[in-house]
């Protein structure tokens, strides 16, 4: 990253490609200082969420309940492994099982 307006990426065996970063609007003036620190990170997500809801179209970039379920299975596996001190087989199609 050379500046805060663009990011350069280079896939393996590929050419460098510049990706412009969109500008996030400033936080509303009535937003408190502590909340405004998170505005730049939260705004694109919330904007995408609002657009998806208002258009009644799912967004390919927003997580789904299925995504959340898969993540929860992984977190449960991490917890189980920590509690038992053993490896845990993780399959997103079923509950975690000790190995």
PDB file of N, CA and C in Angstrom:
ATOM      1  N   UNK A   1       0.852  -1.170   0.000  1.00  0.00           N
ATOM      2  CA  UNK A   1       0.000   0.000   0.000  1.00  0.00           C
ATOM      3  C   UNK A   1       0.896   1.229   0.000  1.00  0.00           C
ATOM      4  N   UNK A   2       0.771   2.019  -1.029  1.00  0.00           N
ATOM      5  CA  UNK A   2       1.614   3.198  -1.152  1.00  0.00           C
ATOM      6  C   UNK A   2       0.969   4.437  -0.530  1.00  0.00           C
ATOM      7  N   UNK A   3      -0.342   4.475  -0.524  1.00  0.00           N
ATOM      8  CA  UNK A   3      -1.050   5.592   0.087  1.00  0.00           C
ATOM      9  C   UNK A   3      -2.442   5.109   0.491  1.00  0.00           C
ATOM     10  N   UNK A   4      -3.260   6.003   1.005  1.00  0.00           N
ATOM     11  CA  UNK A   4      -4.575   5.582   1.483  1.00  0.00           C
ATOM     12  C   UNK A   4      -5.672   5.684   0.422  1.00  0.00           C
ATOM     13  N   UNK A   5      -5.268   5.809  -0.852  1.00  0.00           N
ATOM     14  CA  UNK A   5      -6.250   5.896  -1.925  1.00  0.00           C
ATOM     15  C   UNK A   5      -6.248   4.687  -2.854  1.00  0.00           C
ATOM     16  N   UNK A   6      -5.208   3.836  -2.740  1.00  0.00           N
ATOM     17  CA  UNK A   6      -5.111   2.680  -3.630  1.00  0.00           C
ATOM     18  C   UNK A   6      -4.298   1.567  -2.982  1.00  0.00           C
ATOM     19  N   UNK A   7      -4.566   0.350  -3.427  1.00  0.00           N
ATOM     20  CA  UNK A   7      -3.830  -0.826  -2.982  1.00  0.00           C
ATOM     21  C   UNK A   7      -3.377  -1.562  -4.235  1.00  0.00           C
ATOM     22  N   UNK A   8      -2.139  -2.013  -4.239  1.00  0.00           N
ATOM     23  CA  UNK A   8      -1.622  -2.787  -5.360  1.00  0.00           C
ATOM     24  C   UNK A   8      -1.533  -4.249  -4.942  1.00  0.00           C
ATOM     25  N   UNK A   9      -2.036  -5.134  -5.796  1.00  0.00           N
ATOM     26  CA  UNK A   9      -1.935  -6.562  -5.532  1.00  0.00           C
ATOM     27  C   UNK A   9      -1.264  -7.226  -6.719  1.00  0.00           C
ATOM     28  N   UNK A  10      -0.664  -8.371  -6.472  1.00  0.00           N
ATOM     29  CA  UNK A  10      -0.050  -9.126  -7.551  1.00  0.00           C
ATOM     30  C   UNK A  10      -0.294 -10.610  -7.297  1.00  0.00           C
ATOM     31  N   UNK A  11      -1.234 -11.190  -8.043  1.00  0.00           N
ATOM     32  CA  UNK A  11      -1.464 -12.625  -7.900  1.00  0.00           C
ATOM     33  C   UNK A  11      -0.225 -13.402  -8.338  1.00  0.00           C
ATOM     34  N   UNK A  12      -0.097 -14.649  -7.841  1.00  0.00           N
ATOM     35  CA  UNK A  12       1.024 -15.480  -8.264  1.00  0.00           C
ATOM     36  C   UNK A  12       1.065 -15.542  -9.783  1.00  0.00           C
ATOM     37  N   UNK A  13       2.239 -15.379 -10.323  1.00  0.00           N
ATOM     38  CA  UNK A  13       2.455 -15.448 -11.771  1.00  0.00           C
ATOM     39  C   UNK A  13       1.544 -14.489 -12.537  1.00  0.00           C
ATOM     40  N   UNK A  14       1.248 -13.357 -11.941  1.00  0.00           N
ATOM     41  CA  UNK A  14       0.380 -12.399 -12.610  1.00  0.00           C
ATOM     42  C   UNK A  14       0.964 -11.007 -12.590  1.00  0.00           C
ATOM     43  N   UNK A  15       0.276 -10.113 -13.220  1.00  0.00           N
ATOM     44  CA  UNK A  15       0.690  -8.720 -13.281  1.00  0.00           C
ATOM     45  C   UNK A  15       0.178  -7.969 -12.061  1.00  0.00           C
ATOM     46  N   UNK A  16       0.901  -6.921 -11.664  1.00  0.00           N
ATOM     47  CA  UNK A  16       0.436  -6.055 -10.595  1.00  0.00           C
ATOM     48  C   UNK A  16      -0.859  -5.378 -11.042  1.00  0.00           C
ATOM     49  N   UNK A  17      -1.755  -5.214 -10.075  1.00  0.00           N
ATOM     50  CA  UNK A  17      -3.038  -4.589 -10.383  1.00  0.00           C
ATOM     51  C   UNK A  17      -3.364  -3.589  -9.277  1.00  0.00           C
ATOM     52  N   UNK A  18      -3.759  -2.373  -9.685  1.00  0.00           N
ATOM     53  CA  UNK A  18      -4.110  -1.335  -8.722  1.00  0.00           C
ATOM     54  C   UNK A  18      -5.606  -1.408  -8.446  1.00  0.00           C
ATOM     55  N   UNK A  19      -5.960  -1.406  -7.157  1.00  0.00           N
ATOM     56  CA  UNK A  19      -7.361  -1.397  -6.758  1.00  0.00           C
ATOM     57  C   UNK A  19      -7.600  -0.083  -6.019  1.00  0.00           C
ATOM     58  N   UNK A  20      -8.453   0.791  -6.582  1.00  0.00           N
ATOM     59  CA  UNK A  20      -8.719   2.053  -5.885  1.00  0.00           C
ATOM     60  C   UNK A  20      -9.584   1.797  -4.645  1.00  0.00           C
ATOM     61  N   UNK A  21      -9.315   2.530  -3.593  1.00  0.00           N
ATOM     62  CA  UNK A  21     -10.107   2.426  -2.379  1.00  0.00           C
ATOM     63  C   UNK A  21     -11.192   3.491  -2.412  1.00  0.00           C
ATOM     64  N   UNK A  22     -12.410   3.086  -2.106  1.00  0.00           N
ATOM     65  CA  UNK A  22     -13.486   4.063  -2.101  1.00  0.00           C
ATOM     66  C   UNK A  22     -13.383   4.924  -0.849  1.00  0.00           C
ATOM     67  N   UNK A  23     -13.841   6.115  -0.970  1.00  0.00           N
ATOM     68  CA  UNK A  23     -13.775   7.050   0.141  1.00  0.00           C
ATOM     69  C   UNK A  23     -15.007   6.886   1.018  1.00  0.00           C
ATOM     70  N   UNK A  24     -14.796   6.685   2.304  1.00  0.00           N
ATOM     71  CA  UNK A  24     -15.891   6.572   3.257  1.00  0.00           C
ATOM     72  C   UNK A  24     -16.273   7.966   3.716  1.00  0.00           C
ATOM     73  N   UNK A  25     -17.579   8.267   3.753  1.00  0.00           N
ATOM     74  CA  UNK A  25     -17.980   9.588   4.230  1.00  0.00           C
ATOM     75  C   UNK A  25     -17.586   9.791   5.693  1.00  0.00           C
ATOM     76  N   UNK A  26     -17.539  11.027   6.090  1.00  0.00           N
ATOM     77  CA  UNK A  26     -17.215  11.353   7.477  1.00  0.00           C
ATOM     78  C   UNK A  26     -18.369  10.926   8.385  1.00  0.00           C
ATOM     79  N   UNK A  27     -18.061  10.587   9.638  1.00  0.00           N
ATOM     80  CA  UNK A  27     -19.132  10.214  10.560  1.00  0.00           C
ATOM     81  C   UNK A  27     -20.073  11.388  10.809  1.00  0.00           C
ATOM     82  N   UNK A  28     -21.336  11.112  11.116  1.00  0.00           N
ATOM     83  CA  UNK A  28     -22.268  12.204  11.420  1.00  0.00           C
ATOM     84  C   UNK A  28     -21.766  13.030  12.602  1.00  0.00           C
ATOM     85  N   UNK A  29     -22.026  14.314  12.571  1.00  0.00           N
ATOM     86  CA  UNK A  29     -21.523  15.215  13.621  1.00  0.00           C
ATOM     87  C   UNK A  29     -22.087  14.866  14.992  1.00  0.00           C
ATOM     88  N   UNK A  30     -23.288  14.287  15.044  1.00  0.00           N
ATOM     89  CA  UNK A  30     -23.886  13.949  16.341  1.00  0.00           C
ATOM     90  C   UNK A  30     -23.353  12.631  16.912  1.00  0.00           C
ATOM     91  N   UNK A  31     -22.533  11.916  16.135  1.00  0.00           N
ATOM     92  CA  UNK A  31     -21.972  10.654  16.617  1.00  0.00           C
ATOM     93  C   UNK A  31     -20.862  10.953  17.622  1.00  0.00           C
ATOM     94  N   UNK A  32     -20.868  10.246  18.712  1.00  0.00           N
ATOM     95  CA  UNK A  32     -19.855  10.443  19.744  1.00  0.00           C
ATOM     96  C   UNK A  32     -18.463  10.082  19.260  1.00  0.00           C
ATOM     97  N   UNK A  33     -17.451  10.615  19.956  1.00  0.00           N
ATOM     98  CA  UNK A  33     -16.067  10.399  19.540  1.00  0.00           C
ATOM     99  C   UNK A  33     -15.684   8.922  19.549  1.00  0.00           C
ATOM    100  N   UNK A  34     -16.076   8.185  20.597  1.00  0.00           N
ATOM    101  CA  UNK A  34     -15.687   6.772  20.669  1.00  0.00           C
ATOM    102  C   UNK A  34     -16.344   5.959  19.555  1.00  0.00           C
ATOM    103  N   UNK A  35     -17.591   6.247  19.221  1.00  0.00           N
ATOM    104  CA  UNK A  35     -18.274   5.520  18.145  1.00  0.00           C
ATOM    105  C   UNK A  35     -17.726   5.915  16.779  1.00  0.00           C
ATOM    106  N   UNK A  36     -17.336   7.174  16.623  1.00  0.00           N
ATOM    107  CA  UNK A  36     -16.863   7.632  15.312  1.00  0.00           C
ATOM    108  C   UNK A  36     -15.565   6.964  14.891  1.00  0.00           C
ATOM    109  N   UNK A  37     -14.809   6.424  15.863  1.00  0.00           N
ATOM    110  CA  UNK A  37     -13.578   5.706  15.517  1.00  0.00           C
ATOM    111  C   UNK A  37     -13.863   4.461  14.684  1.00  0.00           C
ATOM    112  N   UNK A  38     -15.031   3.886  14.844  1.00  0.00           N
ATOM    113  CA  UNK A  38     -15.385   2.648  14.149  1.00  0.00           C
ATOM    114  C   UNK A  38     -16.191   2.902  12.872  1.00  0.00           C
ATOM    115  N   UNK A  39     -16.529   4.137  12.611  1.00  0.00           N
ATOM    116  CA  UNK A  39     -17.398   4.466  11.487  1.00  0.00           C
ATOM    117  C   UNK A  39     -16.818   4.020  10.147  1.00  0.00           C
ATOM    118  N   UNK A  40     -15.537   4.292   9.916  1.00  0.00           N
ATOM    119  CA  UNK A  40     -14.925   3.946   8.623  1.00  0.00           C
ATOM    120  C   UNK A  40     -14.949   2.447   8.367  1.00  0.00           C
ATOM    121  N   UNK A  41     -14.805   1.640   9.410  1.00  0.00           N
ATOM    122  CA  UNK A  41     -14.832   0.183   9.237  1.00  0.00           C
ATOM    123  C   UNK A  41     -16.257  -0.335   9.097  1.00  0.00           C
ATOM    124  N   UNK A  42     -17.194   0.234   9.840  1.00  0.00           N
ATOM    125  CA  UNK A  42     -18.563  -0.278   9.850  1.00  0.00           C
ATOM    126  C   UNK A  42     -19.407   0.249   8.693  1.00  0.00           C
ATOM    127  N   UNK A  43     -19.123   1.437   8.207  1.00  0.00           N
ATOM    128  CA  UNK A  43     -19.974   2.068   7.193  1.00  0.00           C
ATOM    129  C   UNK A  43     -20.147   1.221   5.933  1.00  0.00           C
ATOM    130  N   UNK A  44     -19.075   0.707   5.308  1.00  0.00           N
ATOM    131  CA  UNK A  44     -19.282  -0.093   4.087  1.00  0.00           C
ATOM    132  C   UNK A  44     -20.151  -1.326   4.334  1.00  0.00           C
ATOM    133  N   UNK A  45     -19.951  -2.001   5.466  1.00  0.00           N
ATOM    134  CA  UNK A  45     -20.759  -3.180   5.783  1.00  0.00           C
ATOM    135  C   UNK A  45     -22.221  -2.796   5.950  1.00  0.00           C
ATOM    136  N   UNK A  46     -22.476  -1.759   6.746  1.00  0.00           N
ATOM    137  CA  UNK A  46     -23.860  -1.350   6.994  1.00  0.00           C
ATOM    138  C   UNK A  46     -24.524  -0.809   5.740  1.00  0.00           C
ATOM    139  N   UNK A  47     -23.764  -0.104   4.911  1.00  0.00           N
ATOM    140  CA  UNK A  47     -24.302   0.395   3.646  1.00  0.00           C
ATOM    141  C   UNK A  47     -24.698  -0.775   2.740  1.00  0.00           C
ATOM    142  N   UNK A  48     -23.848  -1.792   2.673  1.00  0.00           N
ATOM    143  CA  UNK A  48     -24.134  -2.981   1.875  1.00  0.00           C
ATOM    144  C   UNK A  48     -25.357  -3.710   2.424  1.00  0.00           C
ATOM    145  N   UNK A  49     -25.451  -3.811   3.742  1.00  0.00           N
ATOM    146  CA  UNK A  49     -26.582  -4.465   4.383  1.00  0.00           C
ATOM    147  C   UNK A  49     -27.887  -3.723   4.075  1.00  0.00           C
ATOM    148  N   UNK A  50     -27.873  -2.405   4.209  1.00  0.00           N
ATOM    149  CA  UNK A  50     -29.068  -1.609   3.926  1.00  0.00           C
ATOM    150  C   UNK A  50     -29.483  -1.742   2.464  1.00  0.00           C
ATOM    151  N   UNK A  51     -28.523  -1.709   1.556  1.00  0.00           N
ATOM    152  CA  UNK A  51     -28.821  -1.862   0.130  1.00  0.00           C
ATOM    153  C   UNK A  51     -29.450  -3.219  -0.143  1.00  0.00           C
ATOM    154  N   UNK A  52     -28.918  -4.257   0.476  1.00  0.00           N
ATOM    155  CA  UNK A  52     -29.443  -5.613   0.293  1.00  0.00           C
ATOM    156  C   UNK A  52     -30.875  -5.719   0.819  1.00  0.00           C
ATOM    157  N   UNK A  53     -31.130  -5.142   1.980  1.00  0.00           N
ATOM    158  CA  UNK A  53     -32.473  -5.199   2.567  1.00  0.00           C
ATOM    159  C   UNK A  53     -33.465  -4.401   1.726  1.00  0.00           C
ATOM    160  N   UNK A  54     -33.090  -3.181   1.353  1.00  0.00           N
ATOM    161  CA  UNK A  54     -34.002  -2.324   0.599  1.00  0.00           C
ATOM    162  C   UNK A  54     -34.292  -2.854  -0.797  1.00  0.00           C
ATOM    163  N   UNK A  55     -33.324  -3.536  -1.398  1.00  0.00           N
ATOM    164  CA  UNK A  55     -33.531  -4.077  -2.745  1.00  0.00           C
ATOM    165  C   UNK A  55     -34.113  -5.488  -2.708  1.00  0.00           C
ATOM    166  N   UNK A  56     -34.204  -6.059  -1.515  1.00  0.00           N
ATOM    167  CA  UNK A  56     -34.691  -7.430  -1.328  1.00  0.00           C
ATOM    168  C   UNK A  56     -33.873  -8.424  -2.159  1.00  0.00           C
ATOM    169  N   UNK A  57     -32.571  -8.150  -2.251  1.00  0.00           N
ATOM    170  CA  UNK A  57     -31.645  -9.011  -2.985  1.00  0.00           C
ATOM    171  C   UNK A  57     -30.487  -9.384  -2.072  1.00  0.00           C
ATOM    172  N   UNK A  58     -30.136 -10.669  -1.999  1.00  0.00           N
ATOM    173  CA  UNK A  58     -28.987 -11.045  -1.171  1.00  0.00           C
ATOM    174  C   UNK A  58     -27.696 -10.487  -1.765  1.00  0.00           C
ATOM    175  N   UNK A  59     -26.779 -10.121  -0.892  1.00  0.00           N
ATOM    176  CA  UNK A  59     -25.493  -9.613  -1.339  1.00  0.00           C
ATOM    177  C   UNK A  59     -24.471 -10.740  -1.286  1.00  0.00           C
ATOM    178  N   UNK A  60     -23.673 -10.910  -2.330  1.00  0.00           N
ATOM    179  CA  UNK A  60     -22.659 -11.971  -2.306  1.00  0.00           C
ATOM    180  C   UNK A  60     -21.535 -11.711  -1.306  1.00  0.00           C
ATOM    181  N   UNK A  61     -21.434 -10.476  -0.804  1.00  0.00           N
ATOM    182  CA  UNK A  61     -20.355 -10.164   0.130  1.00  0.00           C
ATOM    183  C   UNK A  61     -20.784 -10.192   1.593  1.00  0.00           C
ATOM    184  N   UNK A  62     -22.070 -10.319   1.857  1.00  0.00           N
ATOM    185  CA  UNK A  62     -22.542 -10.365   3.246  1.00  0.00           C
ATOM    186  C   UNK A  62     -22.597 -11.802   3.735  1.00  0.00           C
ATOM    187  N   UNK A  63     -22.253 -12.032   5.004  1.00  0.00           N
ATOM    188  CA  UNK A  63     -22.344 -13.394   5.545  1.00  0.00           C
ATOM    189  C   UNK A  63     -23.800 -13.828   5.678  1.00  0.00           C
ATOM    190  N   UNK A  64     -24.012 -15.133   5.557  1.00  0.00           N
ATOM    191  CA  UNK A  64     -25.348 -15.716   5.682  1.00  0.00           C
ATOM    192  C   UNK A  64     -25.453 -16.455   7.007  1.00  0.00           C
ATOM    193  N   UNK A  65     -26.648 -16.944   7.321  1.00  0.00           N
ATOM    194  CA  UNK A  65     -26.802 -17.762   8.522  1.00  0.00           C
ATOM    195  C   UNK A  65     -25.982 -19.043   8.392  1.00  0.00           C
ATOM    196  N   UNK A  66     -25.876 -19.578   7.177  1.00  0.00           N
ATOM    197  CA  UNK A  66     -25.063 -20.771   6.964  1.00  0.00           C
ATOM    198  C   UNK A  66     -23.591 -20.482   7.262  1.00  0.00           C
ATOM    199  N   UNK A  67     -23.109 -19.312   6.852  1.00  0.00           N
ATOM    200  CA  UNK A  67     -21.730 -18.915   7.174  1.00  0.00           C
ATOM    201  C   UNK A  67     -21.539 -18.865   8.685  1.00  0.00           C
ATOM    202  N   UNK A  68     -22.486 -18.261   9.380  1.00  0.00           N
ATOM    203  CA  UNK A  68     -22.409 -18.171  10.827  1.00  0.00           C
ATOM    204  C   UNK A  68     -22.409 -19.540  11.489  1.00  0.00           C
ATOM    205  N   UNK A  69     -23.220 -20.458  10.939  1.00  0.00           N
ATOM    206  CA  UNK A  69     -23.275 -21.816  11.493  1.00  0.00           C
ATOM    207  C   UNK A  69     -21.939 -22.523  11.324  1.00  0.00           C
ATOM    208  N   UNK A  70     -21.315 -22.391  10.147  1.00  0.00           N
ATOM    209  CA  UNK A  70     -20.011 -23.018   9.922  1.00  0.00           C
ATOM    210  C   UNK A  70     -18.959 -22.443  10.863  1.00  0.00           C
ATOM    211  N   UNK A  71     -18.971 -21.140  11.059  1.00  0.00           N
ATOM    212  CA  UNK A  71     -18.015 -20.510  11.973  1.00  0.00           C
ATOM    213  C   UNK A  71     -18.250 -20.996  13.395  1.00  0.00           C
ATOM    214  N   UNK A  72     -19.518 -21.138  13.797  1.00  0.00           N
ATOM    215  CA  UNK A  72     -19.809 -21.598  15.152  1.00  0.00           C
ATOM    216  C   UNK A  72     -19.307 -23.019  15.367  1.00  0.00           C
ATOM    217  N   UNK A  73     -19.419 -23.882  14.353  1.00  0.00           N
ATOM    218  CA  UNK A  73     -18.899 -25.250  14.455  1.00  0.00           C
ATOM    219  C   UNK A  73     -17.390 -25.214  14.680  1.00  0.00           C
ATOM    220  N   UNK A  74     -16.703 -24.337  13.959  1.00  0.00           N
ATOM    221  CA  UNK A  74     -15.251 -24.220  14.129  1.00  0.00           C
ATOM    222  C   UNK A  74     -14.921 -23.714  15.530  1.00  0.00           C
ATOM    223  N   UNK A  75     -15.640 -22.709  16.005  1.00  0.00           N
ATOM    224  CA  UNK A  75     -15.389 -22.189  17.353  1.00  0.00           C
ATOM    225  C   UNK A  75     -15.673 -23.240  18.419  1.00  0.00           C
ATOM    226  N   UNK A  76     -16.742 -24.026  18.233  1.00  0.00           N
ATOM    227  CA  UNK A  76     -17.043 -25.111  19.177  1.00  0.00           C
ATOM    228  C   UNK A  76     -15.926 -26.147  19.176  1.00  0.00           C
ATOM    229  N   UNK A  77     -15.353 -26.410  18.012  1.00  0.00           N
ATOM    230  CA  UNK A  77     -14.251 -27.366  17.911  1.00  0.00           C
ATOM    231  C   UNK A  77     -13.008 -26.855  18.634  1.00  0.00           C
ATOM    232  N   UNK A  78     -12.734 -25.572  18.486  1.00  0.00           N
ATOM    233  CA  UNK A  78     -11.595 -24.970  19.186  1.00  0.00           C
ATOM    234  C   UNK A  78     -11.793 -25.086  20.701  1.00  0.00           C
ATOM    235  N   UNK A  79     -13.010 -24.775  21.166  1.00  0.00           N
ATOM    236  CA  UNK A  79     -13.302 -24.866  22.598  1.00  0.00           C
ATOM    237  C   UNK A  79     -13.157 -26.306  23.087  1.00  0.00           C
ATOM    238  N   UNK A  80     -13.706 -27.265  22.325  1.00  0.00           N
ATOM    239  CA  UNK A  80     -13.628 -28.668  22.715  1.00  0.00           C
ATOM    240  C   UNK A  80     -12.177 -29.144  22.757  1.00  0.00           C
ATOM    241  N   UNK A  81     -11.378 -28.746  21.778  1.00  0.00           N
ATOM    242  CA  UNK A  81      -9.971 -29.132  21.745  1.00  0.00           C
ATOM    243  C   UNK A  81      -9.237 -28.566  22.956  1.00  0.00           C
ATOM    244  N   UNK A  82      -9.530 -27.324  23.294  1.00  0.00           N
ATOM    245  CA  UNK A  82      -8.893 -26.698  24.453  1.00  0.00           C
ATOM    246  C   UNK A  82      -9.269 -27.437  25.745  1.00  0.00           C
ATOM    247  N   UNK A  83     -10.555 -27.770  25.877  1.00  0.00           N
ATOM    248  CA  UNK A  83     -11.030 -28.422  27.107  1.00  0.00           C
ATOM    249  C   UNK A  83     -10.497 -29.849  27.260  1.00  0.00           C
ATOM    250  N   UNK A  84     -10.363 -30.581  26.145  1.00  0.00           N
ATOM    251  CA  UNK A  84      -9.930 -31.981  26.217  1.00  0.00           C
ATOM    252  C   UNK A  84      -8.433 -32.144  26.014  1.00  0.00           C
ATOM    253  N   UNK A  85      -7.775 -31.131  25.440  1.00  0.00           N
ATOM    254  CA  UNK A  85      -6.353 -31.242  25.143  1.00  0.00           C
ATOM    255  C   UNK A  85      -6.076 -32.161  23.964  1.00  0.00           C
ATOM    256  N   UNK A  86      -7.106 -32.446  23.160  1.00  0.00           N
ATOM    257  CA  UNK A  86      -6.963 -33.346  22.014  1.00  0.00           C
ATOM    258  C   UNK A  86      -7.352 -32.625  20.730  1.00  0.00           C
ATOM    259  N   UNK A  87      -6.864 -33.203  19.629  1.00  0.00           N
ATOM    260  CA  UNK A  87      -7.290 -32.709  18.323  1.00  0.00           C
ATOM    261  C   UNK A  87      -8.761 -33.029  18.123  1.00  0.00           C
ATOM    262  N   UNK A  88      -9.422 -32.167  17.392  1.00  0.00           N
ATOM    263  CA  UNK A  88     -10.840 -32.363  17.097  1.00  0.00           C
ATOM    264  C   UNK A  88     -11.017 -32.306  15.588  1.00  0.00           C
ATOM    265  N   UNK A  89     -11.698 -33.314  15.042  1.00  0.00           N
ATOM    266  CA  UNK A  89     -12.006 -33.323  13.613  1.00  0.00           C
ATOM    267  C   UNK A  89     -13.110 -32.297  13.359  1.00  0.00           C
ATOM    268  N   UNK A  90     -12.888 -31.420  12.411  1.00  0.00           N
ATOM    269  CA  UNK A  90     -13.871 -30.378  12.101  1.00  0.00           C
ATOM    270  C   UNK A  90     -14.508 -30.674  10.750  1.00  0.00           C
ATOM    271  N   UNK A  91     -15.817 -30.791  10.757  1.00  0.00           N
ATOM    272  CA  UNK A  91     -16.589 -30.910   9.528  1.00  0.00           C
ATOM    273  C   UNK A  91     -17.737 -29.952   9.638  1.00  0.00           C
ATOM    274  N   UNK A  92     -17.909 -29.099   8.654  1.00  0.00           N
ATOM    275  CA  UNK A  92     -18.985 -28.126   8.736  1.00  0.00           C
ATOM    276  C   UNK A  92     -20.356 -28.757   8.479  1.00  0.00           C
ATOM    277  N   UNK A  93     -20.393 -30.067   8.260  1.00  0.00           N
ATOM    278  CA  UNK A  93     -21.662 -30.763   8.053  1.00  0.00           C
ATOM    279  C   UNK A  93     -22.174 -31.439   9.316  1.00  0.00           C
ATOM    280  N   UNK A  94     -21.389 -31.427  10.377  1.00  0.00           N
ATOM    281  CA  UNK A  94     -21.796 -32.122  11.597  1.00  0.00           C
ATOM    282  C   UNK A  94     -21.143 -31.492  12.805  1.00  0.00           C
ATOM    283  N   UNK A  95     -21.532 -31.944  13.983  1.00  0.00           N
ATOM    284  CA  UNK A  95     -20.940 -31.461  15.224  1.00  0.00           C
ATOM    285  C   UNK A  95     -19.489 -31.953  15.348  1.00  0.00           C
ATOM    286  N   UNK A  96     -18.625 -31.244  16.083  1.00  0.00           N
ATOM    287  CA  UNK A  96     -17.227 -31.674  16.233  1.00  0.00           C
ATOM    288  C   UNK A  96     -17.115 -32.993  16.996  1.00  0.00           C
ATOM    289  N   UNK A  97     -16.143 -33.803  16.594  1.00  0.00           N
ATOM    290  CA  UNK A  97     -15.900 -35.077  17.281  1.00  0.00           C
ATOM    291  C   UNK A  97     -14.431 -35.175  17.650  1.00  0.00           C
ATOM    292  N   UNK A  98     -14.142 -35.746  18.819  1.00  0.00           N
ATOM    293  CA  UNK A  98     -12.740 -35.918  19.244  1.00  0.00           C
ATOM    294  C   UNK A  98     -12.055 -36.935  18.363  1.00  0.00           C
ATOM    295  N   UNK A  99     -10.758 -36.718  18.131  1.00  0.00           N
ATOM    296  CA  UNK A  99      -9.965 -37.635  17.306  1.00  0.00           C
ATOM    297  C   UNK A  99      -9.106 -38.478  18.206  1.00  0.00           C
TER     298      UNK A  99
END
